């Protein structure tokens, strides 16, 4: 039986969930950047650290988001939609598949080949 006094509306719940989903897609894109950087011959620790911090910042932002704060949810959704829209042309299915392969690669030669194909 449905709760007669829900804490939020269905519309708010859907907006919140789609916003969180956009944030997770963005995190996935940042992870692919980390893998690509780590696959280079000389990975730059500062770049990897900054990208990891970006992931933590997004997670903190997601944790602070409240389903009942429609204005903040909409603002956050618009922010990540814009980031995804900007980055999507550079994210090809092949690149995402190579990230998985690169993650599993154990030797430096394979990792460099994946990094080359991602760039």
N, C-alpha and C. Protein backbone atom coordinates (compact mmCIF):
# COMPACT_ATOMS: atom_id res chain seq x y z
N UNK A 1 0.83 -1.17 0.00
CA UNK A 1 0.00 0.00 0.00
C UNK A 1 0.89 1.25 0.00
N UNK A 2 0.51 2.21 -0.80
CA UNK A 2 1.28 3.45 -0.92
C UNK A 2 1.14 4.30 0.34
N UNK A 3 2.20 4.99 0.66
CA UNK A 3 2.20 5.89 1.81
C UNK A 3 1.25 7.05 1.50
N UNK A 4 0.25 7.31 2.36
CA UNK A 4 -0.69 8.40 2.10
C UNK A 4 -0.07 9.79 2.25
N UNK A 5 1.09 9.86 2.90
CA UNK A 5 1.79 11.14 3.10
C UNK A 5 3.25 11.01 2.67
N UNK A 6 3.50 10.88 1.38
CA UNK A 6 4.89 10.71 0.94
C UNK A 6 5.73 11.96 1.25
N UNK A 7 7.04 11.72 1.40
CA UNK A 7 7.95 12.82 1.72
C UNK A 7 8.28 13.68 0.50
N UNK A 8 8.07 13.13 -0.69
CA UNK A 8 8.30 13.88 -1.92
C UNK A 8 7.38 13.36 -3.00
N UNK A 9 7.26 14.14 -4.05
CA UNK A 9 6.37 13.75 -5.14
C UNK A 9 7.10 12.83 -6.12
N UNK A 10 6.33 12.18 -6.96
CA UNK A 10 6.94 11.32 -7.98
C UNK A 10 7.79 12.17 -8.92
N UNK A 11 7.31 13.34 -9.26
CA UNK A 11 8.06 14.25 -10.14
C UNK A 11 9.40 14.62 -9.50
N UNK A 12 9.40 14.92 -8.21
CA UNK A 12 10.65 15.25 -7.53
C UNK A 12 11.59 14.04 -7.52
N UNK A 13 11.05 12.87 -7.28
CA UNK A 13 11.86 11.66 -7.25
C UNK A 13 12.52 11.37 -8.59
N UNK A 14 11.76 11.54 -9.66
CA UNK A 14 12.30 11.30 -11.00
C UNK A 14 13.38 12.33 -11.32
N UNK A 15 13.14 13.60 -10.99
CA UNK A 15 14.13 14.65 -11.25
C UNK A 15 15.42 14.37 -10.48
N UNK A 16 15.27 13.96 -9.24
CA UNK A 16 16.44 13.65 -8.40
C UNK A 16 17.23 12.47 -8.98
N UNK A 17 16.53 11.40 -9.32
CA UNK A 17 17.20 10.21 -9.85
C UNK A 17 17.91 10.49 -11.18
N UNK A 18 17.29 11.25 -12.05
CA UNK A 18 17.94 11.55 -13.33
C UNK A 18 19.15 12.46 -13.12
N UNK A 19 19.08 13.33 -12.14
CA UNK A 19 20.22 14.18 -11.82
C UNK A 19 21.38 13.33 -11.29
N UNK A 20 21.08 12.41 -10.38
CA UNK A 20 22.12 11.52 -9.85
C UNK A 20 22.72 10.67 -10.96
N UNK A 21 21.88 10.23 -11.88
CA UNK A 21 22.36 9.42 -13.01
C UNK A 21 23.32 10.24 -13.89
N UNK A 22 22.98 11.49 -14.15
CA UNK A 22 23.88 12.36 -14.93
C UNK A 22 25.21 12.54 -14.22
N UNK A 23 25.16 12.67 -12.91
CA UNK A 23 26.39 12.83 -12.13
C UNK A 23 27.24 11.57 -12.22
N UNK A 24 26.62 10.41 -12.19
CA UNK A 24 27.36 9.16 -12.29
C UNK A 24 27.96 8.98 -13.69
N UNK A 25 27.26 9.40 -14.71
CA UNK A 25 27.83 9.35 -16.07
C UNK A 25 29.06 10.25 -16.15
N UNK A 26 28.97 11.42 -15.53
CA UNK A 26 30.11 12.33 -15.51
C UNK A 26 31.30 11.68 -14.79
N UNK A 27 31.03 11.04 -13.66
CA UNK A 27 32.10 10.35 -12.94
C UNK A 27 32.73 9.29 -13.83
N UNK A 28 31.92 8.57 -14.57
CA UNK A 28 32.45 7.56 -15.50
C UNK A 28 33.38 8.16 -16.53
N UNK A 29 33.03 9.34 -17.01
CA UNK A 29 33.90 10.00 -17.99
C UNK A 29 35.22 10.42 -17.34
N UNK A 30 35.16 10.87 -16.09
CA UNK A 30 36.39 11.26 -15.40
C UNK A 30 37.26 10.02 -15.15
N UNK A 31 36.64 8.91 -14.81
CA UNK A 31 37.39 7.67 -14.61
C UNK A 31 38.10 7.27 -15.90
N UNK A 32 37.43 7.44 -17.04
CA UNK A 32 38.09 7.09 -18.30
C UNK A 32 39.29 8.01 -18.55
N UNK A 33 39.21 9.27 -18.12
CA UNK A 33 40.35 10.17 -18.24
C UNK A 33 41.51 9.70 -17.35
N UNK A 34 41.18 9.21 -16.16
CA UNK A 34 42.21 8.69 -15.25
C UNK A 34 42.90 7.49 -15.88
N UNK A 35 42.11 6.55 -16.40
CA UNK A 35 42.70 5.37 -17.04
C UNK A 35 43.60 5.77 -18.21
N UNK A 36 43.14 6.71 -19.00
CA UNK A 36 43.93 7.15 -20.15
C UNK A 36 45.25 7.78 -19.69
N UNK A 37 45.19 8.58 -18.65
CA UNK A 37 46.42 9.21 -18.13
C UNK A 37 47.35 8.16 -17.55
N UNK A 38 46.81 7.21 -16.80
CA UNK A 38 47.65 6.16 -16.20
C UNK A 38 48.26 5.24 -17.25
N UNK A 39 47.66 5.18 -18.42
CA UNK A 39 48.16 4.30 -19.48
C UNK A 39 49.29 4.95 -20.28
N UNK A 40 49.55 6.22 -20.06
CA UNK A 40 50.62 6.87 -20.80
C UNK A 40 51.97 6.37 -20.28
N UNK A 41 52.99 6.60 -21.07
CA UNK A 41 54.32 6.14 -20.69
C UNK A 41 54.79 6.78 -19.38
N UNK A 42 54.46 8.05 -19.20
CA UNK A 42 54.82 8.74 -17.95
C UNK A 42 53.57 9.43 -17.40
N UNK A 43 52.75 8.70 -16.66
CA UNK A 43 51.55 9.29 -16.09
C UNK A 43 51.90 10.47 -15.17
N UNK A 44 51.12 11.51 -15.25
CA UNK A 44 51.34 12.69 -14.41
C UNK A 44 50.50 12.57 -13.15
N UNK A 45 51.18 12.40 -12.03
CA UNK A 45 50.51 12.17 -10.75
C UNK A 45 49.57 13.33 -10.39
N UNK A 46 49.98 14.54 -10.72
CA UNK A 46 49.14 15.70 -10.40
C UNK A 46 47.82 15.68 -11.14
N UNK A 47 47.86 15.25 -12.40
CA UNK A 47 46.64 15.15 -13.20
C UNK A 47 45.72 14.08 -12.61
N UNK A 48 46.29 12.92 -12.29
CA UNK A 48 45.50 11.82 -11.72
C UNK A 48 44.89 12.25 -10.39
N UNK A 49 45.68 12.93 -9.56
CA UNK A 49 45.17 13.40 -8.26
C UNK A 49 44.03 14.41 -8.45
N UNK A 50 44.19 15.31 -9.40
CA UNK A 50 43.13 16.31 -9.66
C UNK A 50 41.86 15.64 -10.15
N UNK A 51 42.00 14.65 -11.01
CA UNK A 51 40.82 13.93 -11.52
C UNK A 51 40.15 13.13 -10.40
N UNK A 52 40.94 12.50 -9.54
CA UNK A 52 40.37 11.79 -8.39
C UNK A 52 39.63 12.76 -7.46
N UNK A 53 40.20 13.95 -7.29
CA UNK A 53 39.54 14.95 -6.45
C UNK A 53 38.23 15.39 -7.09
N UNK A 54 38.20 15.50 -8.41
CA UNK A 54 36.97 15.87 -9.11
C UNK A 54 35.87 14.84 -8.82
N UNK A 55 36.24 13.56 -8.82
CA UNK A 55 35.26 12.51 -8.51
C UNK A 55 34.74 12.67 -7.09
N UNK A 56 35.64 12.91 -6.14
CA UNK A 56 35.21 13.10 -4.76
C UNK A 56 34.30 14.31 -4.61
N UNK A 57 34.60 15.37 -5.33
CA UNK A 57 33.76 16.57 -5.28
C UNK A 57 32.35 16.29 -5.80
N UNK A 58 32.26 15.52 -6.88
CA UNK A 58 30.95 15.18 -7.44
C UNK A 58 30.18 14.30 -6.46
N UNK A 59 30.86 13.35 -5.84
CA UNK A 59 30.21 12.49 -4.85
C UNK A 59 29.71 13.31 -3.67
N UNK A 60 30.51 14.27 -3.20
CA UNK A 60 30.07 15.14 -2.11
C UNK A 60 28.86 15.96 -2.52
N UNK A 61 28.89 16.46 -3.75
CA UNK A 61 27.76 17.25 -4.26
C UNK A 61 26.50 16.38 -4.33
N UNK A 62 26.67 15.15 -4.78
CA UNK A 62 25.53 14.23 -4.86
C UNK A 62 25.00 13.91 -3.47
N UNK A 63 25.89 13.69 -2.51
CA UNK A 63 25.46 13.37 -1.15
C UNK A 63 24.72 14.54 -0.49
N UNK A 64 25.07 15.75 -0.87
CA UNK A 64 24.42 16.94 -0.30
C UNK A 64 23.08 17.25 -0.97
N UNK A 65 22.83 16.67 -2.12
CA UNK A 65 21.60 16.93 -2.88
C UNK A 65 20.40 16.31 -2.16
N UNK A 66 19.32 17.07 -2.06
CA UNK A 66 18.10 16.60 -1.41
C UNK A 66 16.97 16.53 -2.41
N UNK A 67 16.27 15.41 -2.40
CA UNK A 67 15.20 15.16 -3.37
C UNK A 67 14.11 16.24 -3.31
N UNK A 68 13.90 16.82 -2.16
CA UNK A 68 12.84 17.83 -2.01
C UNK A 68 13.28 19.24 -2.40
N UNK A 69 14.56 19.44 -2.67
CA UNK A 69 15.06 20.76 -3.07
C UNK A 69 15.04 20.85 -4.60
N UNK A 70 13.86 21.10 -5.15
CA UNK A 70 13.64 21.09 -6.60
C UNK A 70 14.56 22.08 -7.32
N UNK A 71 14.77 23.23 -6.74
CA UNK A 71 15.61 24.25 -7.39
C UNK A 71 17.06 23.77 -7.51
N UNK A 72 17.61 23.23 -6.43
CA UNK A 72 18.99 22.74 -6.44
C UNK A 72 19.13 21.52 -7.35
N UNK A 73 18.12 20.65 -7.34
CA UNK A 73 18.15 19.48 -8.22
C UNK A 73 18.19 19.93 -9.68
N UNK A 74 17.33 20.88 -10.03
CA UNK A 74 17.29 21.38 -11.42
C UNK A 74 18.60 22.05 -11.80
N UNK A 75 19.15 22.84 -10.90
CA UNK A 75 20.42 23.53 -11.15
C UNK A 75 21.55 22.51 -11.36
N UNK A 76 21.58 21.48 -10.52
CA UNK A 76 22.61 20.45 -10.62
C UNK A 76 22.43 19.63 -11.90
N UNK A 77 21.19 19.30 -12.23
CA UNK A 77 20.91 18.55 -13.46
C UNK A 77 21.39 19.34 -14.67
N UNK A 78 21.08 20.63 -14.71
CA UNK A 78 21.50 21.48 -15.83
C UNK A 78 23.03 21.55 -15.93
N UNK A 79 23.69 21.63 -14.79
CA UNK A 79 25.16 21.70 -14.76
C UNK A 79 25.77 20.44 -15.38
N UNK A 80 25.31 19.27 -14.94
CA UNK A 80 25.90 18.03 -15.44
C UNK A 80 25.44 17.70 -16.84
N UNK A 81 24.25 18.11 -17.19
CA UNK A 81 23.79 17.92 -18.58
C UNK A 81 24.70 18.70 -19.52
N UNK A 82 25.06 19.92 -19.14
CA UNK A 82 25.95 20.74 -19.97
C UNK A 82 27.34 20.12 -20.05
N UNK A 83 27.85 19.63 -18.91
CA UNK A 83 29.17 18.99 -18.92
C UNK A 83 29.17 17.75 -19.80
N UNK A 84 28.12 16.95 -19.72
CA UNK A 84 28.04 15.74 -20.53
C UNK A 84 27.90 16.09 -22.01
N UNK A 85 27.10 17.09 -22.29
CA UNK A 85 26.89 17.50 -23.69
C UNK A 85 28.20 17.96 -24.31
N UNK A 86 28.99 18.68 -23.56
CA UNK A 86 30.27 19.18 -24.04
C UNK A 86 31.26 18.04 -24.26
N UNK A 87 31.26 17.08 -23.35
CA UNK A 87 32.26 16.01 -23.39
C UNK A 87 31.85 14.84 -24.28
N UNK A 88 30.57 14.64 -24.51
CA UNK A 88 30.10 13.46 -25.22
C UNK A 88 30.70 13.29 -26.62
N UNK A 89 30.89 14.33 -27.41
CA UNK A 89 31.47 14.09 -28.74
C UNK A 89 32.83 13.41 -28.69
N UNK A 90 33.56 13.59 -27.60
CA UNK A 90 34.88 12.97 -27.50
C UNK A 90 34.82 11.58 -26.87
N UNK A 91 33.66 11.22 -26.33
CA UNK A 91 33.51 9.90 -25.72
C UNK A 91 32.83 8.97 -26.71
N UNK A 92 33.63 8.11 -27.31
CA UNK A 92 33.09 7.15 -28.26
C UNK A 92 32.96 5.81 -27.56
N UNK A 93 32.06 4.98 -28.08
CA UNK A 93 31.89 3.64 -27.53
C UNK A 93 33.21 2.89 -27.55
N UNK A 94 33.96 3.05 -28.64
CA UNK A 94 35.25 2.38 -28.74
C UNK A 94 36.16 2.79 -27.58
N UNK A 95 36.17 4.07 -27.26
CA UNK A 95 37.01 4.55 -26.17
C UNK A 95 36.60 3.93 -24.85
N UNK A 96 35.29 3.84 -24.62
CA UNK A 96 34.82 3.25 -23.38
C UNK A 96 35.19 1.77 -23.30
N UNK A 97 35.12 1.08 -24.44
CA UNK A 97 35.50 -0.32 -24.46
C UNK A 97 37.00 -0.46 -24.23
N UNK A 98 37.78 0.43 -24.80
CA UNK A 98 39.22 0.38 -24.61
C UNK A 98 39.61 0.67 -23.18
N UNK A 99 38.86 1.52 -22.52
CA UNK A 99 39.14 1.81 -21.11
C UNK A 99 39.03 0.52 -20.31
N UNK A 100 37.99 -0.26 -20.59
CA UNK A 100 37.85 -1.55 -19.92
C UNK A 100 39.01 -2.47 -20.22
N UNK A 101 39.43 -2.51 -21.48
CA UNK A 101 40.55 -3.36 -21.87
C UNK A 101 41.83 -2.85 -21.22
N UNK A 102 42.00 -1.54 -21.18
CA UNK A 102 43.20 -0.95 -20.59
C UNK A 102 43.25 -1.25 -19.11
N UNK A 103 42.11 -1.22 -18.46
CA UNK A 103 42.05 -1.51 -17.03
C UNK A 103 42.54 -2.93 -16.75
N UNK A 104 42.26 -3.82 -17.69
CA UNK A 104 42.64 -5.22 -17.51
C UNK A 104 44.05 -5.51 -18.00
N UNK A 105 44.61 -4.61 -18.79
CA UNK A 105 45.95 -4.85 -19.34
C UNK A 105 46.98 -4.81 -18.22
N UNK A 106 47.90 -5.75 -18.28
CA UNK A 106 48.91 -5.81 -17.22
C UNK A 106 50.28 -5.34 -17.68
N UNK A 107 50.56 -5.45 -18.97
CA UNK A 107 51.89 -5.03 -19.41
C UNK A 107 51.85 -3.61 -19.96
N UNK A 108 52.98 -2.93 -19.84
CA UNK A 108 53.08 -1.54 -20.25
C UNK A 108 52.80 -1.32 -21.72
N UNK A 109 53.21 -2.25 -22.57
CA UNK A 109 52.99 -2.13 -24.01
C UNK A 109 51.50 -2.05 -24.33
N UNK A 110 50.71 -2.93 -23.74
CA UNK A 110 49.26 -2.92 -23.99
C UNK A 110 48.64 -1.64 -23.46
N UNK A 111 49.08 -1.19 -22.31
CA UNK A 111 48.53 0.04 -21.72
C UNK A 111 48.84 1.25 -22.61
N UNK A 112 50.05 1.31 -23.16
CA UNK A 112 50.42 2.42 -24.04
C UNK A 112 49.60 2.38 -25.33
N UNK A 113 49.35 1.19 -25.87
CA UNK A 113 48.56 1.06 -27.08
C UNK A 113 47.14 1.56 -26.86
N UNK A 114 46.58 1.21 -25.73
CA UNK A 114 45.22 1.68 -25.40
C UNK A 114 45.22 3.19 -25.24
N UNK A 115 46.19 3.73 -24.55
CA UNK A 115 46.27 5.18 -24.36
C UNK A 115 46.38 5.89 -25.71
N UNK A 116 47.18 5.33 -26.60
CA UNK A 116 47.35 5.91 -27.95
C UNK A 116 46.01 5.92 -28.69
N UNK A 117 45.27 4.82 -28.60
CA UNK A 117 43.98 4.74 -29.30
C UNK A 117 42.95 5.66 -28.67
N UNK A 118 43.06 5.93 -27.35
CA UNK A 118 42.11 6.82 -26.69
C UNK A 118 42.37 8.27 -27.04
N UNK A 119 43.60 8.61 -27.37
CA UNK A 119 43.93 10.02 -27.62
C UNK A 119 43.57 10.45 -29.03
